[in-house]
Amino acid sequence: MRERVLATLRTLLAVIGALPAAVLAGIALALFVPAAEDVRLAIGFGATVPLWVAAASLVFLDARVWRAALALTVSTAALALAIGARP
């Protein structure tokens, strides 16, 4: 029973929990890449889905669910602070 709960939590965290980090990483790319505005938007938008898939894969492959959740929380907070601190 415990294994099923952990597998469900790992799947939910991989699919839903990795999305905010990937979206914020795409926004950070769109804001900080030194290029024209349309190129930056294309890079940020185009990188969001591959970043989401990569983050979901890494989270799903982690042996401990709490460690993956902590890593996602820290990375999401760091990206939000970087975006919020932009002048």
PDB file of N, CA and C in Angstrom:
ATOM      1  N   MET A   1       0.819  -1.197   0.000  1.00  0.00           N
ATOM      2  CA  MET A   1       0.000   0.000   0.000  1.00  0.00           C
ATOM      3  C   MET A   1       0.863   1.261   0.000  1.00  0.00           C
ATOM      4  N   ARG A   2       1.932   1.262   0.805  1.00  0.00           N
ATOM      5  CA  ARG A   2       2.804   2.431   0.878  1.00  0.00           C
ATOM      6  C   ARG A   2       3.493   2.694  -0.456  1.00  0.00           C
ATOM      7  N   GLU A   3       3.867   1.639  -1.162  1.00  0.00           N
ATOM      8  CA  GLU A   3       4.531   1.790  -2.451  1.00  0.00           C
ATOM      9  C   GLU A   3       3.596   2.429  -3.477  1.00  0.00           C
ATOM     10  N   ARG A   4       2.306   2.070  -3.413  1.00  0.00           N
ATOM     11  CA  ARG A   4       1.343   2.661  -4.343  1.00  0.00           C
ATOM     12  C   ARG A   4       1.158   4.149  -4.086  1.00  0.00           C
ATOM     13  N   VAL A   5       1.106   4.499  -2.818  1.00  0.00           N
ATOM     14  CA  VAL A   5       0.960   5.918  -2.470  1.00  0.00           C
ATOM     15  C   VAL A   5       2.185   6.705  -2.923  1.00  0.00           C
ATOM     16  N   LEU A   6       3.368   6.168  -2.688  1.00  0.00           N
ATOM     17  CA  LEU A   6       4.590   6.847  -3.111  1.00  0.00           C
ATOM     18  C   LEU A   6       4.689   6.947  -4.626  1.00  0.00           C
ATOM     19  N   ALA A   7       4.266   5.914  -5.322  1.00  0.00           N
ATOM     20  CA  ALA A   7       4.281   5.963  -6.785  1.00  0.00           C
ATOM     21  C   ALA A   7       3.301   7.011  -7.301  1.00  0.00           C
ATOM     22  N   THR A   8       2.136   7.111  -6.666  1.00  0.00           N
ATOM     23  CA  THR A   8       1.159   8.122  -7.068  1.00  0.00           C
ATOM     24  C   THR A   8       1.679   9.524  -6.782  1.00  0.00           C
ATOM     25  N   LEU A   9       2.282   9.717  -5.615  1.00  0.00           N
ATOM     26  CA  LEU A   9       2.848  11.019  -5.283  1.00  0.00           C
ATOM     27  C   LEU A   9       3.975  11.396  -6.231  1.00  0.00           C
ATOM     28  N   ARG A  10       4.818  10.440  -6.571  1.00  0.00           N
ATOM     29  CA  ARG A  10       5.918  10.713  -7.485  1.00  0.00           C
ATOM     30  C   ARG A  10       5.389  11.113  -8.864  1.00  0.00           C
ATOM     31  N   THR A  11       4.350  10.437  -9.330  1.00  0.00           N
ATOM     32  CA  THR A  11       3.776  10.762 -10.632  1.00  0.00           C
ATOM     33  C   THR A  11       3.131  12.134 -10.626  1.00  0.00           C
ATOM     34  N   LEU A  12       2.352  12.432  -9.581  1.00  0.00           N
ATOM     35  CA  LEU A  12       1.721  13.741  -9.490  1.00  0.00           C
ATOM     36  C   LEU A  12       2.752  14.858  -9.387  1.00  0.00           C
ATOM     37  N   LEU A  13       3.779  14.646  -8.600  1.00  0.00           N
ATOM     38  CA  LEU A  13       4.820  15.650  -8.468  1.00  0.00           C
ATOM     39  C   LEU A  13       5.562  15.848  -9.782  1.00  0.00           C
ATOM     40  N   ALA A  14       5.791  14.780 -10.507  1.00  0.00           N
ATOM     41  CA  ALA A  14       6.505  14.892 -11.777  1.00  0.00           C
ATOM     42  C   ALA A  14       5.681  15.648 -12.809  1.00  0.00           C
ATOM     43  N   VAL A  15       4.394  15.356 -12.893  1.00  0.00           N
ATOM     44  CA  VAL A  15       3.569  15.966 -13.938  1.00  0.00           C
ATOM     45  C   VAL A  15       3.135  17.376 -13.558  1.00  0.00           C
ATOM     46  N   ILE A  16       2.637  17.550 -12.342  1.00  0.00           N
ATOM     47  CA  ILE A  16       2.077  18.842 -11.944  1.00  0.00           C
ATOM     48  C   ILE A  16       3.119  19.729 -11.275  1.00  0.00           C
ATOM     49  N   GLY A  17       3.978  19.158 -10.481  1.00  0.00           N
ATOM     50  CA  GLY A  17       4.937  19.955  -9.734  1.00  0.00           C
ATOM     51  C   GLY A  17       6.049  20.541 -10.572  1.00  0.00           C
ATOM     52  N   ALA A  18       6.388  19.910 -11.656  1.00  0.00           N
ATOM     53  CA  ALA A  18       7.466  20.410 -12.499  1.00  0.00           C
ATOM     54  C   ALA A  18       7.012  21.536 -13.415  1.00  0.00           C
ATOM     55  N   LEU A  19       5.724  21.705 -13.602  1.00  0.00           N
ATOM     56  CA  LEU A  19       5.221  22.736 -14.517  1.00  0.00           C
ATOM     57  C   LEU A  19       5.556  24.155 -14.080  1.00  0.00           C
ATOM     58  N   PRO A  20       5.341  24.559 -12.810  1.00  0.00           N
ATOM     59  CA  PRO A  20       5.697  25.936 -12.447  1.00  0.00           C
ATOM     60  C   PRO A  20       7.182  26.241 -12.615  1.00  0.00           C
ATOM     61  N   ALA A  21       8.032  25.298 -12.291  1.00  0.00           N
ATOM     62  CA  ALA A  21       9.466  25.513 -12.468  1.00  0.00           C
ATOM     63  C   ALA A  21       9.815  25.675 -13.945  1.00  0.00           C
ATOM     64  N   ALA A  22       9.199  24.885 -14.801  1.00  0.00           N
ATOM     65  CA  ALA A  22       9.476  24.988 -16.240  1.00  0.00           C
ATOM     66  C   ALA A  22       8.949  26.297 -16.815  1.00  0.00           C
ATOM     67  N   VAL A  23       7.784  26.720 -16.385  1.00  0.00           N
ATOM     68  CA  VAL A  23       7.225  27.989 -16.879  1.00  0.00           C
ATOM     69  C   VAL A  23       8.089  29.156 -16.420  1.00  0.00           C
ATOM     70  N   LEU A  24       8.491  29.155 -15.157  1.00  0.00           N
ATOM     71  CA  LEU A  24       9.356  30.231 -14.675  1.00  0.00           C
ATOM     72  C   LEU A  24      10.722  30.215 -15.350  1.00  0.00           C
ATOM     73  N   ALA A  25      11.243  29.041 -15.667  1.00  0.00           N
ATOM     74  CA  ALA A  25      12.509  28.971 -16.405  1.00  0.00           C
ATOM     75  C   ALA A  25      12.350  29.523 -17.813  1.00  0.00           C
ATOM     76  N   GLY A  26      11.216  29.249 -18.448  1.00  0.00           N
ATOM     77  CA  GLY A  26      10.950  29.829 -19.763  1.00  0.00           C
ATOM     78  C   GLY A  26      10.818  31.337 -19.704  1.00  0.00           C
ATOM     79  N   ILE A  27      10.170  31.843 -18.661  1.00  0.00           N
ATOM     80  CA  ILE A  27      10.053  33.294 -18.493  1.00  0.00           C
ATOM     81  C   ILE A  27      11.426  33.916 -18.251  1.00  0.00           C
ATOM     82  N   ALA A  28      12.235  33.256 -17.436  1.00  0.00           N
ATOM     83  CA  ALA A  28      13.583  33.766 -17.179  1.00  0.00           C
ATOM     84  C   ALA A  28      14.409  33.786 -18.463  1.00  0.00           C
ATOM     85  N   LEU A  29      14.277  32.768 -19.284  1.00  0.00           N
ATOM     86  CA  LEU A  29      14.978  32.780 -20.573  1.00  0.00           C
ATOM     87  C   LEU A  29      14.488  33.922 -21.446  1.00  0.00           C
ATOM     88  N   ALA A  30      13.180  34.139 -21.469  1.00  0.00           N
ATOM     89  CA  ALA A  30      12.631  35.210 -22.296  1.00  0.00           C
ATOM     90  C   ALA A  30      13.060  36.586 -21.786  1.00  0.00           C
ATOM     91  N   LEU A  31      13.317  36.709 -20.521  1.00  0.00           N
ATOM     92  CA  LEU A  31      13.706  38.009 -19.971  1.00  0.00           C
ATOM     93  C   LEU A  31      15.197  38.285 -20.071  1.00  0.00           C
ATOM     94  N   PHE A  32      16.022  37.275 -19.901  1.00  0.00           N
ATOM     95  CA  PHE A  32      17.448  37.512 -19.729  1.00  0.00           C
ATOM     96  C   PHE A  32      18.318  37.180 -20.937  1.00  0.00           C
ATOM     97  N   VAL A  33      17.789  36.576 -21.975  1.00  0.00           N
ATOM     98  CA  VAL A  33      18.598  36.278 -23.159  1.00  0.00           C
ATOM     99  C   VAL A  33      18.847  37.584 -23.915  1.00  0.00           C
ATOM    100  N   PRO A  34      20.108  37.881 -24.227  1.00  0.00           N
ATOM    101  CA  PRO A  34      20.399  39.130 -24.939  1.00  0.00           C
ATOM    102  C   PRO A  34      20.130  38.988 -26.443  1.00  0.00           C
ATOM    103  N   ALA A  35      18.897  39.254 -26.817  1.00  0.00           N
ATOM    104  CA  ALA A  35      18.505  39.166 -28.230  1.00  0.00           C
ATOM    105  C   ALA A  35      17.312  40.099 -28.437  1.00  0.00           C
ATOM    106  N   ALA A  36      16.817  40.121 -29.649  1.00  0.00           N
ATOM    107  CA  ALA A  36      15.633  40.929 -29.945  1.00  0.00           C
ATOM    108  C   ALA A  36      14.424  40.338 -29.208  1.00  0.00           C
ATOM    109  N   GLU A  37      13.401  41.170 -29.016  1.00  0.00           N
ATOM    110  CA  GLU A  37      12.260  40.748 -28.207  1.00  0.00           C
ATOM    111  C   GLU A  37      11.535  39.547 -28.799  1.00  0.00           C
ATOM    112  N   ASP A  38      11.337  39.523 -30.107  1.00  0.00           N
ATOM    113  CA  ASP A  38      10.627  38.391 -30.699  1.00  0.00           C
ATOM    114  C   ASP A  38      11.435  37.098 -30.608  1.00  0.00           C
ATOM    115  N   VAL A  39      12.743  37.202 -30.692  1.00  0.00           N
ATOM    116  CA  VAL A  39      13.601  36.017 -30.552  1.00  0.00           C
ATOM    117  C   VAL A  39      13.574  35.521 -29.107  1.00  0.00           C
ATOM    118  N   ARG A  40      13.619  36.441 -28.154  1.00  0.00           N
ATOM    119  CA  ARG A  40      13.574  36.056 -26.742  1.00  0.00           C
ATOM    120  C   ARG A  40      12.263  35.359 -26.410  1.00  0.00           C
ATOM    121  N   LEU A  41      11.155  35.889 -26.915  1.00  0.00           N
ATOM    122  CA  LEU A  41       9.862  35.257 -26.668  1.00  0.00           C
ATOM    123  C   LEU A  41       9.788  33.863 -27.281  1.00  0.00           C
ATOM    124  N   ALA A  42      10.320  33.707 -28.473  1.00  0.00           N
ATOM    125  CA  ALA A  42      10.313  32.395 -29.118  1.00  0.00           C
ATOM    126  C   ALA A  42      11.175  31.396 -28.349  1.00  0.00           C
ATOM    127  N   ILE A  43      12.323  31.854 -27.858  1.00  0.00           N
ATOM    128  CA  ILE A  43      13.192  30.974 -27.081  1.00  0.00           C
ATOM    129  C   ILE A  43      12.524  30.579 -25.775  1.00  0.00           C
ATOM    130  N   GLY A  44      11.952  31.545 -25.071  1.00  0.00           N
ATOM    131  CA  GLY A  44      11.301  31.253 -23.802  1.00  0.00           C
ATOM    132  C   GLY A  44      10.105  30.339 -23.960  1.00  0.00           C
ATOM    133  N   PHE A  45       9.277  30.622 -24.962  1.00  0.00           N
ATOM    134  CA  PHE A  45       8.099  29.792 -25.195  1.00  0.00           C
ATOM    135  C   PHE A  45       8.486  28.406 -25.692  1.00  0.00           C
ATOM    136  N   GLY A  46       9.456  28.339 -26.572  1.00  0.00           N
ATOM    137  CA  GLY A  46       9.873  27.061 -27.132  1.00  0.00           C
ATOM    138  C   GLY A  46      10.618  26.182 -26.151  1.00  0.00           C
ATOM    139  N   ALA A  47      11.234  26.771 -25.147  1.00  0.00           N
ATOM    140  CA  ALA A  47      12.000  25.984 -24.181  1.00  0.00           C
ATOM    141  C   ALA A  47      11.155  25.482 -23.024  1.00  0.00           C
ATOM    142  N   THR A  48       9.936  25.994 -22.873  1.00  0.00           N
ATOM    143  CA  THR A  48       9.126  25.631 -21.713  1.00  0.00           C
ATOM    144  C   THR A  48       8.762  24.147 -21.706  1.00  0.00           C
ATOM    145  N   VAL A  49       8.293  23.629 -22.805  1.00  0.00           N
ATOM    146  CA  VAL A  49       7.869  22.221 -22.840  1.00  0.00           C
ATOM    147  C   VAL A  49       9.061  21.266 -22.680  1.00  0.00           C
ATOM    148  N   PRO A  50      10.186  21.468 -23.367  1.00  0.00           N
ATOM    149  CA  PRO A  50      11.320  20.571 -23.108  1.00  0.00           C
ATOM    150  C   PRO A  50      11.842  20.656 -21.677  1.00  0.00           C
ATOM    151  N   LEU A  51      11.813  21.852 -21.090  1.00  0.00           N
ATOM    152  CA  LEU A  51      12.208  21.980 -19.689  1.00  0.00           C
ATOM    153  C   LEU A  51      11.242  21.247 -18.773  1.00  0.00           C
ATOM    154  N   TRP A  52       9.955  21.295 -19.096  1.00  0.00           N
ATOM    155  CA  TRP A  52       8.952  20.594 -18.300  1.00  0.00           C
ATOM    156  C   TRP A  52       9.172  19.082 -18.373  1.00  0.00           C
ATOM    157  N   VAL A  53       9.427  18.579 -19.567  1.00  0.00           N
ATOM    158  CA  VAL A  53       9.665  17.143 -19.738  1.00  0.00           C
ATOM    159  C   VAL A  53      10.938  16.713 -19.008  1.00  0.00           C
ATOM    160  N   ALA A  54      11.990  17.517 -19.103  1.00  0.00           N
ATOM    161  CA  ALA A  54      13.238  17.179 -18.419  1.00  0.00           C
ATOM    162  C   ALA A  54      13.058  17.198 -16.903  1.00  0.00           C
ATOM    163  N   ALA A  55      12.389  18.220 -16.386  1.00  0.00           N
ATOM    164  CA  ALA A  55      12.169  18.294 -14.934  1.00  0.00           C
ATOM    165  C   ALA A  55      11.279  17.152 -14.456  1.00  0.00           C
ATOM    166  N   ALA A  56      10.243  16.838 -15.225  1.00  0.00           N
ATOM    167  CA  ALA A  56       9.356  15.734 -14.838  1.00  0.00           C
ATOM    168  C   ALA A  56      10.106  14.407 -14.849  1.00  0.00           C
ATOM    169  N   SER A  57      10.975  14.216 -15.806  1.00  0.00           N
ATOM    170  CA  SER A  57      11.755  12.976 -15.868  1.00  0.00           C
ATOM    171  C   SER A  57      12.706  12.861 -14.681  1.00  0.00           C
ATOM    172  N   LEU A  58      13.376  13.958 -14.350  1.00  0.00           N
ATOM    173  CA  LEU A  58      14.297  13.925 -13.214  1.00  0.00           C
ATOM    174  C   LEU A  58      13.563  13.694 -11.898  1.00  0.00           C
ATOM    175  N   VAL A  59      12.412  14.336 -11.753  1.00  0.00           N
ATOM    176  CA  VAL A  59      11.639  14.148 -10.523  1.00  0.00           C
ATOM    177  C   VAL A  59      11.126  12.718 -10.428  1.00  0.00           C
ATOM    178  N   PHE A  60      10.641  12.186 -11.522  1.00  0.00           N
ATOM    179  CA  PHE A  60      10.094  10.829 -11.507  1.00  0.00           C
ATOM    180  C   PHE A  60      11.170   9.792 -11.203  1.00  0.00           C
ATOM    181  N   LEU A  61      12.388  10.041 -11.651  1.00  0.00           N
ATOM    182  CA  LEU A  61      13.466   9.079 -11.437  1.00  0.00           C
ATOM    183  C   LEU A  61      14.118   9.187 -10.066  1.00  0.00           C
ATOM    184  N   ASP A  62      13.798  10.236  -9.313  1.00  0.00           N
ATOM    185  CA  ASP A  62      14.384  10.386  -7.980  1.00  0.00           C
ATOM    186  C   ASP A  62      13.820   9.327  -7.039  1.00  0.00           C
ATOM    187  N   ALA A  63      14.670   8.782  -6.197  1.00  0.00           N
ATOM    188  CA  ALA A  63      14.259   7.692  -5.310  1.00  0.00           C
ATOM    189  C   ALA A  63      13.395   8.181  -4.151  1.00  0.00           C
ATOM    190  N   ARG A  64      13.581   9.423  -3.739  1.00  0.00           N
ATOM    191  CA  ARG A  64      12.820   9.947  -2.604  1.00  0.00           C
ATOM    192  C   ARG A  64      11.935  11.104  -3.080  1.00  0.00           C
ATOM    193  N   VAL A  65      10.659  10.995  -2.791  1.00  0.00           N
ATOM    194  CA  VAL A  65       9.700  12.003  -3.249  1.00  0.00           C
ATOM    195  C   VAL A  65       9.949  13.336  -2.560  1.00  0.00           C
ATOM    196  N   TRP A  66      10.270  13.321  -1.291  1.00  0.00           N
ATOM    197  CA  TRP A  66      10.459  14.574  -0.556  1.00  0.00           C
ATOM    198  C   TRP A  66      11.657  15.346  -1.080  1.00  0.00           C
ATOM    199  N   ARG A  67      12.701  14.639  -1.507  1.00  0.00           N
ATOM    200  CA  ARG A  67      13.885  15.310  -2.042  1.00  0.00           C
ATOM    201  C   ARG A  67      13.576  15.973  -3.381  1.00  0.00           C
ATOM    202  N   ALA A  68      12.781  15.315  -4.191  1.00  0.00           N
ATOM    203  CA  ALA A  68      12.389  15.894  -5.470  1.00  0.00           C
ATOM    204  C   ALA A  68      11.490  17.107  -5.265  1.00  0.00           C
ATOM    205  N   ALA A  69      10.567  17.011  -4.306  1.00  0.00           N
ATOM    206  CA  ALA A  69       9.688  18.145  -4.020  1.00  0.00           C
ATOM    207  C   ALA A  69      10.490  19.334  -3.489  1.00  0.00           C
ATOM    208  N   LEU A  70      11.470  19.065  -2.653  1.00  0.00           N
ATOM    209  CA  LEU A  70      12.315  20.133  -2.127  1.00  0.00           C
ATOM    210  C   LEU A  70      13.136  20.776  -3.246  1.00  0.00           C
ATOM    211  N   ALA A  71      13.671  19.990  -4.139  1.00  0.00           N
ATOM    212  CA  ALA A  71      14.448  20.532  -5.255  1.00  0.00           C
ATOM    213  C   ALA A  71      13.575  21.399  -6.161  1.00  0.00           C
ATOM    214  N   LEU A  72      12.359  20.952  -6.435  1.00  0.00           N
ATOM    215  CA  LEU A  72      11.453  21.751  -7.253  1.00  0.00           C
ATOM    216  C   LEU A  72      11.062  23.049  -6.555  1.00  0.00           C
ATOM    217  N   THR A  73      10.825  22.980  -5.254  1.00  0.00           N
ATOM    218  CA  THR A  73      10.452  24.175  -4.509  1.00  0.00           C
ATOM    219  C   THR A  73      11.582  25.192  -4.493  1.00  0.00           C
ATOM    220  N   VAL A  74      12.790  24.738  -4.252  1.00  0.00           N
ATOM    221  CA  VAL A  74      13.936  25.643  -4.207  1.00  0.00           C
ATOM    222  C   VAL A  74      14.199  26.253  -5.584  1.00  0.00           C
ATOM    223  N   SER A  75      14.131  25.453  -6.627  1.00  0.00           N
ATOM    224  CA  SER A  75      14.380  25.994  -7.966  1.00  0.00           C
ATOM    225  C   SER A  75      13.286  26.961  -8.392  1.00  0.00           C
ATOM    226  N   THR A  76      12.034  26.665  -8.059  1.00  0.00           N
ATOM    227  CA  THR A  76      10.942  27.572  -8.397  1.00  0.00           C
ATOM    228  C   THR A  76      11.077  28.882  -7.630  1.00  0.00           C
ATOM    229  N   ALA A  77      11.431  28.803  -6.361  1.00  0.00           N
ATOM    230  CA  ALA A  77      11.612  30.022  -5.569  1.00  0.00           C
ATOM    231  C   ALA A  77      12.775  30.856  -6.085  1.00  0.00           C
ATOM    232  N   ALA A  78      13.867  30.211  -6.451  1.00  0.00           N
ATOM    233  CA  ALA A  78      15.021  30.941  -6.970  1.00  0.00           C
ATOM    234  C   ALA A  78      14.687  31.626  -8.292  1.00  0.00           C
ATOM    235  N   LEU A  79      13.965  30.935  -9.163  1.00  0.00           N
ATOM    236  CA  LEU A  79      13.567  31.550 -10.430  1.00  0.00           C
ATOM    237  C   LEU A  79      12.598  32.705 -10.208  1.00  0.00           C
ATOM    238  N   ALA A  80      11.658  32.546  -9.276  1.00  0.00           N
ATOM    239  CA  ALA A  80      10.710  33.630  -8.996  1.00  0.00           C
ATOM    240  C   ALA A  80      11.429  34.848  -8.426  1.00  0.00           C
ATOM    241  N   LEU A  81      12.395  34.618  -7.549  1.00  0.00           N
ATOM    242  CA  LEU A  81      13.169  35.733  -7.004  1.00  0.00           C
ATOM    243  C   LEU A  81      14.013  36.418  -8.077  1.00  0.00           C
ATOM    244  N   ALA A  82      14.583  35.656  -8.987  1.00  0.00           N
ATOM    245  CA  ALA A  82      15.378  36.237 -10.073  1.00  0.00           C
ATOM    246  C   ALA A  82      14.508  37.062 -10.997  1.00  0.00           C
ATOM    247  N   ILE A  83      13.324  36.583 -11.286  1.00  0.00           N
ATOM    248  CA  ILE A  83      12.419  37.322 -12.162  1.00  0.00           C
ATOM    249  C   ILE A  83      11.885  38.559 -11.445  1.00  0.00           C
ATOM    250  N   GLY A  84      11.578  38.415 -10.165  1.00  0.00           N
ATOM    251  CA  GLY A  84      11.055  39.541  -9.407  1.00  0.00           C
ATOM    252  C   GLY A  84      12.077  40.615  -9.142  1.00  0.00           C
ATOM    253  N   ALA A  85      13.351  40.282  -9.090  1.00  0.00           N
ATOM    254  CA  ALA A  85      14.405  41.245  -8.817  1.00  0.00           C
ATOM    255  C   ALA A  85      14.867  41.968 -10.071  1.00  0.00           C
ATOM    256  N   ARG A  86      14.322  41.622 -11.206  1.00  0.00           N
ATOM    257  CA  ARG A  86      14.728  42.255 -12.471  1.00  0.00           C
ATOM    258  C   ARG A  86      14.268  43.707 -12.487  1.00  0.00           C
ATOM    259  N   PRO A  87      15.165  44.622 -12.809  1.00  0.00           N
ATOM    260  CA  PRO A  87      14.766  46.050 -12.839  1.00  0.00           C
ATOM    261  C   PRO A  87      13.862  46.400 -13.988  1.00  0.00           C
TER     262      PRO A  87
END
